[in-house]
Structures are given as structure tokens and as C-alpha cells.
Amino acid sequence: MAITRIKSGDRMSQAVVHNNLVYTAGQVAEGDSIAEQTADILSQIDALLAEAGTDKSNLISATIWITDMDEFDEMNMVWDSWVSKGNAPARACVESKLAKPKFLVEIQVVAAIV
């Protein structure tokens, strides 16, 4: 089976397609609030999924890292309005320090290509 790498660089690819699955790298964005960053990240994920030939209705799993659980509800308001109704993926959300202090949230997903 072939492996297709999307937006690949020396260190990492933004997405990898194999066996009718697309795996995204953790996506981050700059912004003044966790809601703004979450919206930008979800837009990035939409674009990566489209390039791989799928969309958010085919999500299998998501992992979300946030720097402060006090912002969980604010992030979820954006997530809940984005996720495809009736197609919510398995999901984990944990508090974690991220690569740079300006990042408040990071999201990684796996989706099927159907």
C-alpha cells in the first residue's frame, strides 16, 4: 500500500495517508484566545482533510491538548459548532504545555477516506 505525505518537510508532514486513513499532525494557530486558535486550527484541519480526499464527517479520532483546563468550555463551544452532527469522533482532551507559550490549543485527528 502506498503512503502519501501532504505538506511534507524535513521534520514532519502535516498529514499522511495510508490504507484509506489520513493522520494529521498536531495543528496549532496563533490568536488572542483559545476560541480564535481553535477556529483557525479546525479550518486548517478542514483543508488537510479535503486535500486527502475526505472531510470532518469521516473523523475517527481526535486528540486535543490545551494549556489550561479552565478554557475547556470555550474551546468546546468552537469544537461543538464544527464537528459533524451525528459523526463525533472518539476524542481525548488533556492539559499540557505546548511547544510555544503563544499556543493555547493543539489538535490532531485521524479520518477515514471513504
PDB file of N, CA and C in Angstrom:
ATOM      1  N   MET A   1       0.835  -1.184   0.000  1.00  0.00           N
ATOM      2  CA  MET A   1       0.000   0.000   0.000  1.00  0.00           C
ATOM      3  C   MET A   1       0.880   1.248   0.000  1.00  0.00           C
ATOM      4  N   ALA A   2       0.464   2.212  -0.766  1.00  0.00           N
ATOM      5  CA  ALA A   2       1.218   3.456  -0.882  1.00  0.00           C
ATOM      6  C   ALA A   2       1.002   4.340   0.339  1.00  0.00           C
ATOM      7  N   ILE A   3       1.992   5.162   0.604  1.00  0.00           N
ATOM      8  CA  ILE A   3       1.904   6.193   1.638  1.00  0.00           C
ATOM      9  C   ILE A   3       2.024   7.531   0.934  1.00  0.00           C
ATOM     10  N   THR A   4       1.064   8.424   1.173  1.00  0.00           N
ATOM     11  CA  THR A   4       1.087   9.763   0.595  1.00  0.00           C
ATOM     12  C   THR A   4       1.294  10.769   1.719  1.00  0.00           C
ATOM     13  N   ARG A   5       2.270  11.645   1.549  1.00  0.00           N
ATOM     14  CA  ARG A   5       2.567  12.670   2.551  1.00  0.00           C
ATOM     15  C   ARG A   5       2.103  14.025   2.021  1.00  0.00           C
ATOM     16  N   ILE A   6       1.392  14.761   2.847  1.00  0.00           N
ATOM     17  CA  ILE A   6       0.841  16.057   2.460  1.00  0.00           C
ATOM     18  C   ILE A   6       1.582  17.151   3.215  1.00  0.00           C
ATOM     19  N   LYS A   7       2.030  18.160   2.467  1.00  0.00           N
ATOM     20  CA  LYS A   7       2.773  19.288   3.051  1.00  0.00           C
ATOM     21  C   LYS A   7       3.926  18.759   3.905  1.00  0.00           C
ATOM     22  N   SER A   8       4.775  18.008   3.239  1.00  0.00           N
ATOM     23  CA  SER A   8       5.880  17.333   3.911  1.00  0.00           C
ATOM     24  C   SER A   8       7.122  18.216   3.937  1.00  0.00           C
ATOM     25  N   GLY A   9       7.828  18.179   5.057  1.00  0.00           N
ATOM     26  CA  GLY A   9       9.087  18.901   5.207  1.00  0.00           C
ATOM     27  C   GLY A   9      10.142  17.963   5.748  1.00  0.00           C
ATOM     28  N   ASP A  10      11.283  18.507   6.121  1.00  0.00           N
ATOM     29  CA  ASP A  10      12.371  17.691   6.647  1.00  0.00           C
ATOM     30  C   ASP A  10      12.019  17.050   7.986  1.00  0.00           C
ATOM     31  N   ARG A  11      11.246  17.734   8.804  1.00  0.00           N
ATOM     32  CA  ARG A  11      10.934  17.246  10.144  1.00  0.00           C
ATOM     33  C   ARG A  11       9.643  16.444  10.204  1.00  0.00           C
ATOM     34  N   MET A  12       8.644  16.867   9.442  1.00  0.00           N
ATOM     35  CA  MET A  12       7.329  16.237   9.570  1.00  0.00           C
ATOM     36  C   MET A  12       6.457  16.549   8.368  1.00  0.00           C
ATOM     37  N   SER A  13       5.383  15.792   8.251  1.00  0.00           N
ATOM     38  CA  SER A  13       4.341  16.054   7.259  1.00  0.00           C
ATOM     39  C   SER A  13       3.117  16.558   8.011  1.00  0.00           C
ATOM     40  N   GLN A  14       2.349  17.419   7.387  1.00  0.00           N
ATOM     41  CA  GLN A  14       1.130  17.914   8.027  1.00  0.00           C
ATOM     42  C   GLN A  14       0.033  16.857   8.034  1.00  0.00           C
ATOM     43  N   ALA A  15       0.112  15.926   7.084  1.00  0.00           N
ATOM     44  CA  ALA A  15      -0.817  14.791   7.055  1.00  0.00           C
ATOM     45  C   ALA A  15      -0.158  13.649   6.301  1.00  0.00           C
ATOM     46  N   VAL A  16      -0.556  12.431   6.667  1.00  0.00           N
ATOM     47  CA  VAL A  16      -0.072  11.233   5.992  1.00  0.00           C
ATOM     48  C   VAL A  16      -1.288  10.352   5.705  1.00  0.00           C
ATOM     49  N   VAL A  17      -1.368   9.863   4.470  1.00  0.00           N
ATOM     50  CA  VAL A  17      -2.466   8.996   4.051  1.00  0.00           C
ATOM     51  C   VAL A  17      -1.929   7.588   3.846  1.00  0.00           C
ATOM     52  N   HIS A  18      -2.619   6.609   4.452  1.00  0.00           N
ATOM     53  CA  HIS A  18      -2.250   5.196   4.290  1.00  0.00           C
ATOM     54  C   HIS A  18      -3.476   4.337   4.591  1.00  0.00           C
ATOM     55  N   ASN A  19      -3.697   3.317   3.782  1.00  0.00           N
ATOM     56  CA  ASN A  19      -4.816   2.384   3.989  1.00  0.00           C
ATOM     57  C   ASN A  19      -6.162   3.097   4.189  1.00  0.00           C
ATOM     58  N   ASN A  20      -6.457   4.069   3.364  1.00  0.00           N
ATOM     59  CA  ASN A  20      -7.721   4.814   3.420  1.00  0.00           C
ATOM     60  C   ASN A  20      -7.942   5.559   4.735  1.00  0.00           C
ATOM     61  N   LEU A  21      -6.845   5.900   5.401  1.00  0.00           N
ATOM     62  CA  LEU A  21      -6.901   6.738   6.601  1.00  0.00           C
ATOM     63  C   LEU A  21      -5.975   7.925   6.404  1.00  0.00           C
ATOM     64  N   VAL A  22      -6.376   9.064   6.937  1.00  0.00           N
ATOM     65  CA  VAL A  22      -5.499  10.241   6.950  1.00  0.00           C
ATOM     66  C   VAL A  22      -5.229  10.599   8.405  1.00  0.00           C
ATOM     67  N   TYR A  23      -3.958  10.773   8.689  1.00  0.00           N
ATOM     68  CA  TYR A  23      -3.489  11.135  10.030  1.00  0.00           C
ATOM     69  C   TYR A  23      -2.912  12.546   9.938  1.00  0.00           C
ATOM     70  N   THR A  24      -3.463  13.482  10.680  1.00  0.00           N
ATOM     71  CA  THR A  24      -2.886  14.824  10.646  1.00  0.00           C
ATOM     72  C   THR A  24      -1.861  14.966  11.766  1.00  0.00           C
ATOM     73  N   ALA A  25      -0.919  15.850  11.539  1.00  0.00           N
ATOM     74  CA  ALA A  25      -0.021  16.267  12.609  1.00  0.00           C
ATOM     75  C   ALA A  25      -0.824  17.146  13.561  1.00  0.00           C
ATOM     76  N   GLY A  26      -0.317  17.360  14.734  1.00  0.00           N
ATOM     77  CA  GLY A  26      -0.951  18.311  15.642  1.00  0.00           C
ATOM     78  C   GLY A  26      -0.926  19.689  15.008  1.00  0.00           C
ATOM     79  N   GLN A  27      -2.081  20.320  14.930  1.00  0.00           N
ATOM     80  CA  GLN A  27      -2.205  21.634  14.308  1.00  0.00           C
ATOM     81  C   GLN A  27      -2.308  22.708  15.385  1.00  0.00           C
ATOM     82  N   VAL A  28      -1.590  23.801  15.182  1.00  0.00           N
ATOM     83  CA  VAL A  28      -1.632  24.945  16.090  1.00  0.00           C
ATOM     84  C   VAL A  28      -1.901  26.204  15.289  1.00  0.00           C
ATOM     85  N   ALA A  29      -2.272  27.266  15.978  1.00  0.00           N
ATOM     86  CA  ALA A  29      -2.515  28.557  15.326  1.00  0.00           C
ATOM     87  C   ALA A  29      -2.237  29.661  16.336  1.00  0.00           C
ATOM     88  N   GLU A  30      -1.951  30.827  15.819  1.00  0.00           N
ATOM     89  CA  GLU A  30      -1.798  31.994  16.681  1.00  0.00           C
ATOM     90  C   GLU A  30      -3.144  32.681  16.801  1.00  0.00           C
ATOM     91  N   GLY A  31      -3.345  33.381  17.897  1.00  0.00           N
ATOM     92  CA  GLY A  31      -4.587  34.103  18.106  1.00  0.00           C
ATOM     93  C   GLY A  31      -4.658  34.565  19.538  1.00  0.00           C
ATOM     94  N   ASP A  32      -5.569  35.485  19.800  1.00  0.00           N
ATOM     95  CA  ASP A  32      -5.676  36.094  21.127  1.00  0.00           C
ATOM     96  C   ASP A  32      -6.415  35.236  22.141  1.00  0.00           C
ATOM     97  N   SER A  33      -7.188  34.264  21.677  1.00  0.00           N
ATOM     98  CA  SER A  33      -7.977  33.453  22.611  1.00  0.00           C
ATOM     99  C   SER A  33      -7.955  32.000  22.148  1.00  0.00           C
ATOM    100  N   ILE A  34      -8.328  31.113  23.055  1.00  0.00           N
ATOM    101  CA  ILE A  34      -8.390  29.698  22.689  1.00  0.00           C
ATOM    102  C   ILE A  34      -9.496  29.466  21.655  1.00  0.00           C
ATOM    103  N   ALA A  35     -10.570  30.245  21.712  1.00  0.00           N
ATOM    104  CA  ALA A  35     -11.641  30.119  20.716  1.00  0.00           C
ATOM    105  C   ALA A  35     -11.128  30.490  19.329  1.00  0.00           C
ATOM    106  N   GLU A  36     -10.389  31.580  19.232  1.00  0.00           N
ATOM    107  CA  GLU A  36      -9.849  32.011  17.943  1.00  0.00           C
ATOM    108  C   GLU A  36      -8.851  30.982  17.409  1.00  0.00           C
ATOM    109  N   GLN A  37      -7.969  30.496  18.271  1.00  0.00           N
ATOM    110  CA  GLN A  37      -7.000  29.490  17.839  1.00  0.00           C
ATOM    111  C   GLN A  37      -7.699  28.200  17.413  1.00  0.00           C
ATOM    112  N   THR A  38      -8.699  27.773  18.171  1.00  0.00           N
ATOM    113  CA  THR A  38      -9.430  26.548  17.831  1.00  0.00           C
ATOM    114  C   THR A  38     -10.097  26.680  16.463  1.00  0.00           C
ATOM    115  N   ALA A  39     -10.741  27.802  16.204  1.00  0.00           N
ATOM    116  CA  ALA A  39     -11.399  28.016  14.911  1.00  0.00           C
ATOM    117  C   ALA A  39     -10.388  27.960  13.771  1.00  0.00           C
ATOM    118  N   ASP A  40      -9.230  28.587  13.947  1.00  0.00           N
ATOM    119  CA  ASP A  40      -8.203  28.566  12.909  1.00  0.00           C
ATOM    120  C   ASP A  40      -7.672  27.147  12.687  1.00  0.00           C
ATOM    121  N   ILE A  41      -7.448  26.425  13.774  1.00  0.00           N
ATOM    122  CA  ILE A  41      -6.948  25.049  13.671  1.00  0.00           C
ATOM    123  C   ILE A  41      -7.960  24.173  12.932  1.00  0.00           C
ATOM    124  N   LEU A  42      -9.223  24.288  13.263  1.00  0.00           N
ATOM    125  CA  LEU A  42     -10.248  23.468  12.611  1.00  0.00           C
ATOM    126  C   LEU A  42     -10.346  23.787  11.126  1.00  0.00           C
ATOM    127  N   SER A  43     -10.106  25.030  10.765  1.00  0.00           N
ATOM    128  CA  SER A  43     -10.059  25.408   9.352  1.00  0.00           C
ATOM    129  C   SER A  43      -8.863  24.746   8.660  1.00  0.00           C
ATOM    130  N   GLN A  44      -7.730  24.700   9.341  1.00  0.00           N
ATOM    131  CA  GLN A  44      -6.549  24.021   8.801  1.00  0.00           C
ATOM    132  C   GLN A  44      -6.838  22.526   8.612  1.00  0.00           C
ATOM    133  N   ILE A  45      -7.500  21.938   9.596  1.00  0.00           N
ATOM    134  CA  ILE A  45      -7.838  20.515   9.507  1.00  0.00           C
ATOM    135  C   ILE A  45      -8.793  20.271   8.346  1.00  0.00           C
ATOM    136  N   ASP A  46      -9.788  21.138   8.169  1.00  0.00           N
ATOM    137  CA  ASP A  46     -10.696  21.008   7.019  1.00  0.00           C
ATOM    138  C   ASP A  46      -9.909  20.980   5.717  1.00  0.00           C
ATOM    139  N   ALA A  47      -8.935  21.872   5.577  1.00  0.00           N
ATOM    140  CA  ALA A  47      -8.144  21.949   4.345  1.00  0.00           C
ATOM    141  C   ALA A  47      -7.292  20.690   4.140  1.00  0.00           C
ATOM    142  N   LEU A  48      -6.674  20.196   5.210  1.00  0.00           N
ATOM    143  CA  LEU A  48      -5.870  18.977   5.102  1.00  0.00           C
ATOM    144  C   LEU A  48      -6.732  17.777   4.738  1.00  0.00           C
ATOM    145  N   LEU A  49      -7.893  17.671   5.375  1.00  0.00           N
ATOM    146  CA  LEU A  49      -8.794  16.556   5.066  1.00  0.00           C
ATOM    147  C   LEU A  49      -9.258  16.623   3.619  1.00  0.00           C
ATOM    148  N   ALA A  50      -9.580  17.819   3.144  1.00  0.00           N
ATOM    149  CA  ALA A  50     -10.010  17.984   1.747  1.00  0.00           C
ATOM    150  C   ALA A  50      -8.893  17.576   0.790  1.00  0.00           C
ATOM    151  N   GLU A  51      -7.673  17.981   1.105  1.00  0.00           N
ATOM    152  CA  GLU A  51      -6.550  17.617   0.236  1.00  0.00           C
ATOM    153  C   GLU A  51      -6.339  16.103   0.209  1.00  0.00           C
ATOM    154  N   ALA A  52      -6.668  15.432   1.306  1.00  0.00           N
ATOM    155  CA  ALA A  52      -6.533  13.979   1.389  1.00  0.00           C
ATOM    156  C   ALA A  52      -7.730  13.253   0.769  1.00  0.00           C
ATOM    157  N   GLY A  53      -8.795  13.985   0.451  1.00  0.00           N
ATOM    158  CA  GLY A  53      -9.961  13.377  -0.183  1.00  0.00           C
ATOM    159  C   GLY A  53     -11.054  12.959   0.781  1.00  0.00           C
ATOM    160  N   THR A  54     -11.149  13.644   1.913  1.00  0.00           N
ATOM    161  CA  THR A  54     -12.186  13.325   2.883  1.00  0.00           C
ATOM    162  C   THR A  54     -12.648  14.610   3.570  1.00  0.00           C
ATOM    163  N   ASP A  55     -13.436  14.471   4.629  1.00  0.00           N
ATOM    164  CA  ASP A  55     -13.890  15.639   5.378  1.00  0.00           C
ATOM    165  C   ASP A  55     -14.197  15.250   6.827  1.00  0.00           C
ATOM    166  N   LYS A  56     -14.602  16.222   7.602  1.00  0.00           N
ATOM    167  CA  LYS A  56     -14.808  16.015   9.038  1.00  0.00           C
ATOM    168  C   LYS A  56     -15.931  15.028   9.353  1.00  0.00           C
ATOM    169  N   SER A  57     -16.808  14.731   8.419  1.00  0.00           N
ATOM    170  CA  SER A  57     -17.868  13.739   8.681  1.00  0.00           C
ATOM    171  C   SER A  57     -17.292  12.333   8.790  1.00  0.00           C
ATOM    172  N   ASN A  58     -16.040  12.160   8.401  1.00  0.00           N
ATOM    173  CA  ASN A  58     -15.385  10.858   8.444  1.00  0.00           C
ATOM    174  C   ASN A  58     -14.315  10.765   9.535  1.00  0.00           C
ATOM    175  N   LEU A  59     -14.375  11.664  10.510  1.00  0.00           N
ATOM    176  CA  LEU A  59     -13.405  11.612  11.604  1.00  0.00           C
ATOM    177  C   LEU A  59     -13.559  10.321  12.398  1.00  0.00           C
ATOM    178  N   ILE A  60     -12.445   9.740  12.770  1.00  0.00           N
ATOM    179  CA  ILE A  60     -12.418   8.545  13.608  1.00  0.00           C
ATOM    180  C   ILE A  60     -12.010   8.911  15.026  1.00  0.00           C
ATOM    181  N   SER A  61     -10.958   9.718  15.132  1.00  0.00           N
ATOM    182  CA  SER A  61     -10.490  10.113  16.461  1.00  0.00           C
ATOM    183  C   SER A  61      -9.895  11.506  16.425  1.00  0.00           C
ATOM    184  N   ALA A  62      -9.842  12.109  17.603  1.00  0.00           N
ATOM    185  CA  ALA A  62      -9.225  13.434  17.765  1.00  0.00           C
ATOM    186  C   ALA A  62      -8.529  13.466  19.111  1.00  0.00           C
ATOM    187  N   THR A  63      -7.375  14.106  19.127  1.00  0.00           N
ATOM    188  CA  THR A  63      -6.671  14.368  20.379  1.00  0.00           C
ATOM    189  C   THR A  63      -6.475  15.870  20.467  1.00  0.00           C
ATOM    190  N   ILE A  64      -6.861  16.423  21.605  1.00  0.00           N
ATOM    191  CA  ILE A  64      -6.778  17.865  21.826  1.00  0.00           C
ATOM    192  C   ILE A  64      -5.931  18.105  23.066  1.00  0.00           C
ATOM    193  N   TRP A  65      -4.959  18.980  22.915  1.00  0.00           N
ATOM    194  CA  TRP A  65      -4.145  19.414  24.043  1.00  0.00           C
ATOM    195  C   TRP A  65      -4.440  20.886  24.283  1.00  0.00           C
ATOM    196  N   ILE A  66      -4.749  21.248  25.520  1.00  0.00           N
ATOM    197  CA  ILE A  66      -4.942  22.657  25.862  1.00  0.00           C
ATOM    198  C   ILE A  66      -4.039  22.994  27.045  1.00  0.00           C
ATOM    199  N   THR A  67      -3.627  24.244  27.111  1.00  0.00           N
ATOM    200  CA  THR A  67      -2.672  24.635  28.147  1.00  0.00           C
ATOM    201  C   THR A  67      -3.331  24.927  29.482  1.00  0.00           C
ATOM    202  N   ASP A  68      -4.661  25.100  29.473  1.00  0.00           N
ATOM    203  CA  ASP A  68      -5.351  25.453  30.713  1.00  0.00           C
ATOM    204  C   ASP A  68      -6.773  24.888  30.674  1.00  0.00           C
ATOM    205  N   MET A  69      -7.053  23.927  31.541  1.00  0.00           N
ATOM    206  CA  MET A  69      -8.384  23.308  31.561  1.00  0.00           C
ATOM    207  C   MET A  69      -9.492  24.306  31.908  1.00  0.00           C
ATOM    208  N   ASP A  70      -9.141  25.457  32.453  1.00  0.00           N
ATOM    209  CA  ASP A  70     -10.149  26.490  32.694  1.00  0.00           C
ATOM    210  C   ASP A  70     -10.728  27.013  31.381  1.00  0.00           C
ATOM    211  N   GLU A  71     -10.060  26.745  30.254  1.00  0.00           N
ATOM    212  CA  GLU A  71     -10.523  27.197  28.945  1.00  0.00           C
ATOM    213  C   GLU A  71     -11.199  26.078  28.146  1.00  0.00           C
ATOM    214  N   PHE A  72     -11.428  24.950  28.804  1.00  0.00           N
ATOM    215  CA  PHE A  72     -12.045  23.780  28.179  1.00  0.00           C
ATOM    216  C   PHE A  72     -13.399  24.127  27.559  1.00  0.00           C
ATOM    217  N   ASP A  73     -14.264  24.817  28.300  1.00  0.00           N
ATOM    218  CA  ASP A  73     -15.605  25.139  27.795  1.00  0.00           C
ATOM    219  C   ASP A  73     -15.547  26.059  26.581  1.00  0.00           C
ATOM    220  N   GLU A  74     -14.636  27.033  26.602  1.00  0.00           N
ATOM    221  CA  GLU A  74     -14.508  27.968  25.479  1.00  0.00           C
ATOM    222  C   GLU A  74     -14.051  27.226  24.212  1.00  0.00           C
ATOM    223  N   MET A  75     -13.087  26.321  24.365  1.00  0.00           N
ATOM    224  CA  MET A  75     -12.630  25.519  23.227  1.00  0.00           C
ATOM    225  C   MET A  75     -13.772  24.648  22.720  1.00  0.00           C
ATOM    226  N   ASN A  76     -14.510  24.021  23.646  1.00  0.00           N
ATOM    227  CA  ASN A  76     -15.599  23.126  23.259  1.00  0.00           C
ATOM    228  C   ASN A  76     -16.722  23.845  22.521  1.00  0.00           C
ATOM    229  N   MET A  77     -16.971  25.108  22.828  1.00  0.00           N
ATOM    230  CA  MET A  77     -18.015  25.850  22.096  1.00  0.00           C
ATOM    231  C   MET A  77     -17.683  25.895  20.607  1.00  0.00           C
ATOM    232  N   VAL A  78     -16.409  26.110  20.283  1.00  0.00           N
ATOM    233  CA  VAL A  78     -15.993  26.153  18.881  1.00  0.00           C
ATOM    234  C   VAL A  78     -16.014  24.740  18.293  1.00  0.00           C
ATOM    235  N   TRP A  79     -15.464  23.785  19.030  1.00  0.00           N
ATOM    236  CA  TRP A  79     -15.440  22.392  18.573  1.00  0.00           C
ATOM    237  C   TRP A  79     -16.855  21.892  18.278  1.00  0.00           C
ATOM    238  N   ASP A  80     -17.774  22.114  19.232  1.00  0.00           N
ATOM    239  CA  ASP A  80     -19.141  21.604  19.094  1.00  0.00           C
ATOM    240  C   ASP A  80     -19.857  22.182  17.880  1.00  0.00           C
ATOM    241  N   SER A  81     -19.562  23.427  17.529  1.00  0.00           N
ATOM    242  CA  SER A  81     -20.208  24.027  16.359  1.00  0.00           C
ATOM    243  C   SER A  81     -19.569  23.540  15.055  1.00  0.00           C
ATOM    244  N   TRP A  82     -18.375  22.977  15.141  1.00  0.00           N
ATOM    245  CA  TRP A  82     -17.652  22.499  13.954  1.00  0.00           C
ATOM    246  C   TRP A  82     -17.891  21.025  13.665  1.00  0.00           C
ATOM    247  N   VAL A  83     -17.889  20.198  14.686  1.00  0.00           N
ATOM    248  CA  VAL A  83     -17.946  18.751  14.477  1.00  0.00           C
ATOM    249  C   VAL A  83     -19.228  18.378  13.736  1.00  0.00           C
ATOM    250  N   SER A  84     -19.105  17.423  12.822  1.00  0.00           N
ATOM    251  CA  SER A  84     -20.231  16.989  12.004  1.00  0.00           C
ATOM    252  C   SER A  84     -21.272  16.292  12.880  1.00  0.00           C
ATOM    253  N   LYS A  85     -22.481  16.811  12.900  1.00  0.00           N
ATOM    254  CA  LYS A  85     -23.552  16.258  13.747  1.00  0.00           C
ATOM    255  C   LYS A  85     -23.791  14.788  13.423  1.00  0.00           C
ATOM    256  N   GLY A  86     -23.830  13.981  14.461  1.00  0.00           N
ATOM    257  CA  GLY A  86     -24.033  12.552  14.295  1.00  0.00           C
ATOM    258  C   GLY A  86     -22.775  11.783  13.939  1.00  0.00           C
ATOM    259  N   ASN A  87     -21.645  12.494  13.781  1.00  0.00           N
ATOM    260  CA  ASN A  87     -20.388  11.850  13.379  1.00  0.00           C
ATOM    261  C   ASN A  87     -19.236  12.212  14.307  1.00  0.00           C
ATOM    262  N   ALA A  88     -19.527  12.423  15.577  1.00  0.00           N
ATOM    263  CA  ALA A  88     -18.468  12.807  16.521  1.00  0.00           C
ATOM    264  C   ALA A  88     -17.436  11.686  16.635  1.00  0.00           C
ATOM    265  N   PRO A  89     -16.157  12.049  16.604  1.00  0.00           N
ATOM    266  CA  PRO A  89     -15.112  11.034  16.716  1.00  0.00           C
ATOM    267  C   PRO A  89     -14.877  10.635  18.169  1.00  0.00           C
ATOM    268  N   ALA A  90     -14.144   9.535  18.376  1.00  0.00           N
ATOM    269  CA  ALA A  90     -13.590   9.264  19.701  1.00  0.00           C
ATOM    270  C   ALA A  90     -12.629  10.419  19.974  1.00  0.00           C
ATOM    271  N   ARG A  91     -12.602  10.899  21.228  1.00  0.00           N
ATOM    272  CA  ARG A  91     -11.824  12.110  21.487  1.00  0.00           C
ATOM    273  C   ARG A  91     -11.185  12.065  22.858  1.00  0.00           C
ATOM    274  N   ALA A  92      -9.982  12.601  22.932  1.00  0.00           N
ATOM    275  CA  ALA A  92      -9.312  12.819  24.211  1.00  0.00           C
ATOM    276  C   ALA A  92      -8.915  14.289  24.265  1.00  0.00           C
ATOM    277  N   CYS A  93      -8.997  14.865  25.454  1.00  0.00           N
ATOM    278  CA  CYS A  93      -8.564  16.249  25.654  1.00  0.00           C
ATOM    279  C   CYS A  93      -7.791  16.296  26.964  1.00  0.00           C
ATOM    280  N   VAL A  94      -6.566  16.756  26.889  1.00  0.00           N
ATOM    281  CA  VAL A  94      -5.711  16.798  28.072  1.00  0.00           C
ATOM    282  C   VAL A  94      -5.054  18.167  28.214  1.00  0.00           C
ATOM    283  N   GLU A  95      -4.720  18.505  29.440  1.00  0.00           N
ATOM    284  CA  GLU A  95      -3.963  19.730  29.703  1.00  0.00           C
ATOM    285  C   GLU A  95      -2.488  19.430  29.521  1.00  0.00           C
ATOM    286  N   SER A  96      -1.789  20.315  28.806  1.00  0.00           N
ATOM    287  CA  SER A  96      -0.391  20.070  28.504  1.00  0.00           C
ATOM    288  C   SER A  96       0.320  21.380  28.174  1.00  0.00           C
ATOM    289  N   LYS A  97       1.589  21.423  28.453  1.00  0.00           N
ATOM    290  CA  LYS A  97       2.429  22.515  27.968  1.00  0.00           C
ATOM    291  C   LYS A  97       2.645  22.260  26.482  1.00  0.00           C
ATOM    292  N   LEU A  98       2.548  23.304  25.645  1.00  0.00           N
ATOM    293  CA  LEU A  98       2.735  23.149  24.205  1.00  0.00           C
ATOM    294  C   LEU A  98       4.093  23.713  23.784  1.00  0.00           C
ATOM    295  N   ALA A  99       4.427  23.590  22.511  1.00  0.00           N
ATOM    296  CA  ALA A  99       5.756  23.918  22.008  1.00  0.00           C
ATOM    297  C   ALA A  99       6.168  25.368  22.260  1.00  0.00           C
ATOM    298  N   LYS A 100       5.212  26.281  22.204  1.00  0.00           N
ATOM    299  CA  LYS A 100       5.496  27.703  22.432  1.00  0.00           C
ATOM    300  C   LYS A 100       4.398  28.275  23.316  1.00  0.00           C
ATOM    301  N   PRO A 101       4.726  29.196  24.199  1.00  0.00           N
ATOM    302  CA  PRO A 101       3.722  29.764  25.108  1.00  0.00           C
ATOM    303  C   PRO A 101       2.536  30.437  24.400  1.00  0.00           C
ATOM    304  N   LYS A 102       2.734  30.906  23.165  1.00  0.00           N
ATOM    305  CA  LYS A 102       1.640  31.569  22.444  1.00  0.00           C
ATOM    306  C   LYS A 102       0.560  30.588  21.997  1.00  0.00           C
ATOM    307  N   PHE A 103       0.867  29.286  21.962  1.00  0.00           N
ATOM    308  CA  PHE A 103      -0.113  28.286  21.559  1.00  0.00           C
ATOM    309  C   PHE A 103      -0.932  27.872  22.765  1.00  0.00           C
ATOM    310  N   LEU A 104      -2.254  27.969  22.643  1.00  0.00           N
ATOM    311  CA  LEU A 104      -3.177  27.622  23.722  1.00  0.00           C
ATOM    312  C   LEU A 104      -3.841  26.266  23.505  1.00  0.00           C
ATOM    313  N   VAL A 105      -3.831  25.795  22.265  1.00  0.00           N
ATOM    314  CA  VAL A 105      -4.502  24.543  21.915  1.00  0.00           C
ATOM    315  C   VAL A 105      -3.799  23.914  20.721  1.00  0.00           C
ATOM    316  N   GLU A 106      -3.790  22.591  20.691  1.00  0.00           N
ATOM    317  CA  GLU A 106      -3.262  21.829  19.560  1.00  0.00           C
ATOM    318  C   GLU A 106      -4.216  20.666  19.320  1.00  0.00           C
ATOM    319  N   ILE A 107      -4.521  20.407  18.046  1.00  0.00           N
ATOM    320  CA  ILE A 107      -5.483  19.357  17.707  1.00  0.00           C
ATOM    321  C   ILE A 107      -4.917  18.467  16.608  1.00  0.00           C
ATOM    322  N   GLN A 108      -5.071  17.159  16.807  1.00  0.00           N
ATOM    323  CA  GLN A 108      -4.651  16.137  15.837  1.00  0.00           C
ATOM    324  C   GLN A 108      -5.847  15.229  15.586  1.00  0.00           C
ATOM    325  N   VAL A 109      -6.068  14.839  14.327  1.00  0.00           N
ATOM    326  CA  VAL A 109      -7.192  13.962  14.014  1.00  0.00           C
ATOM    327  C   VAL A 109      -6.766  12.823  13.105  1.00  0.00           C
ATOM    328  N   VAL A 110      -7.588  11.784  13.120  1.00  0.00           N
ATOM    329  CA  VAL A 110      -7.497  10.674  12.165  1.00  0.00           C
ATOM    330  C   VAL A 110      -8.876  10.583  11.509  1.00  0.00           C
ATOM    331  N   ALA A 111      -8.887  10.450  10.165  1.00  0.00           N
ATOM    332  CA  ALA A 111     -10.157  10.351   9.448  1.00  0.00           C
ATOM    333  C   ALA A 111     -10.059   9.267   8.378  1.00  0.00           C
ATOM    334  N   ALA A 112     -11.205   8.691   8.088  1.00  0.00           N
ATOM    335  CA  ALA A 112     -11.288   7.698   7.014  1.00  0.00           C
ATOM    336  C   ALA A 112     -11.475   8.399   5.682  1.00  0.00           C
ATOM    337  N   ILE A 113     -10.993   7.766   4.648  1.00  0.00           N
ATOM    338  CA  ILE A 113     -11.246   8.224   3.273  1.00  0.00           C
ATOM    339  C   ILE A 113     -12.211   7.201   2.691  1.00  0.00           C
ATOM    340  N   VAL A 114     -13.456   7.631   2.496  1.00  0.00           N
ATOM    341  CA  VAL A 114     -14.492   6.700   2.034  1.00  0.00           C
ATOM    342  C   VAL A 114     -15.025   7.096   0.670  1.00  0.00           C
TER     343      VAL A 114
END
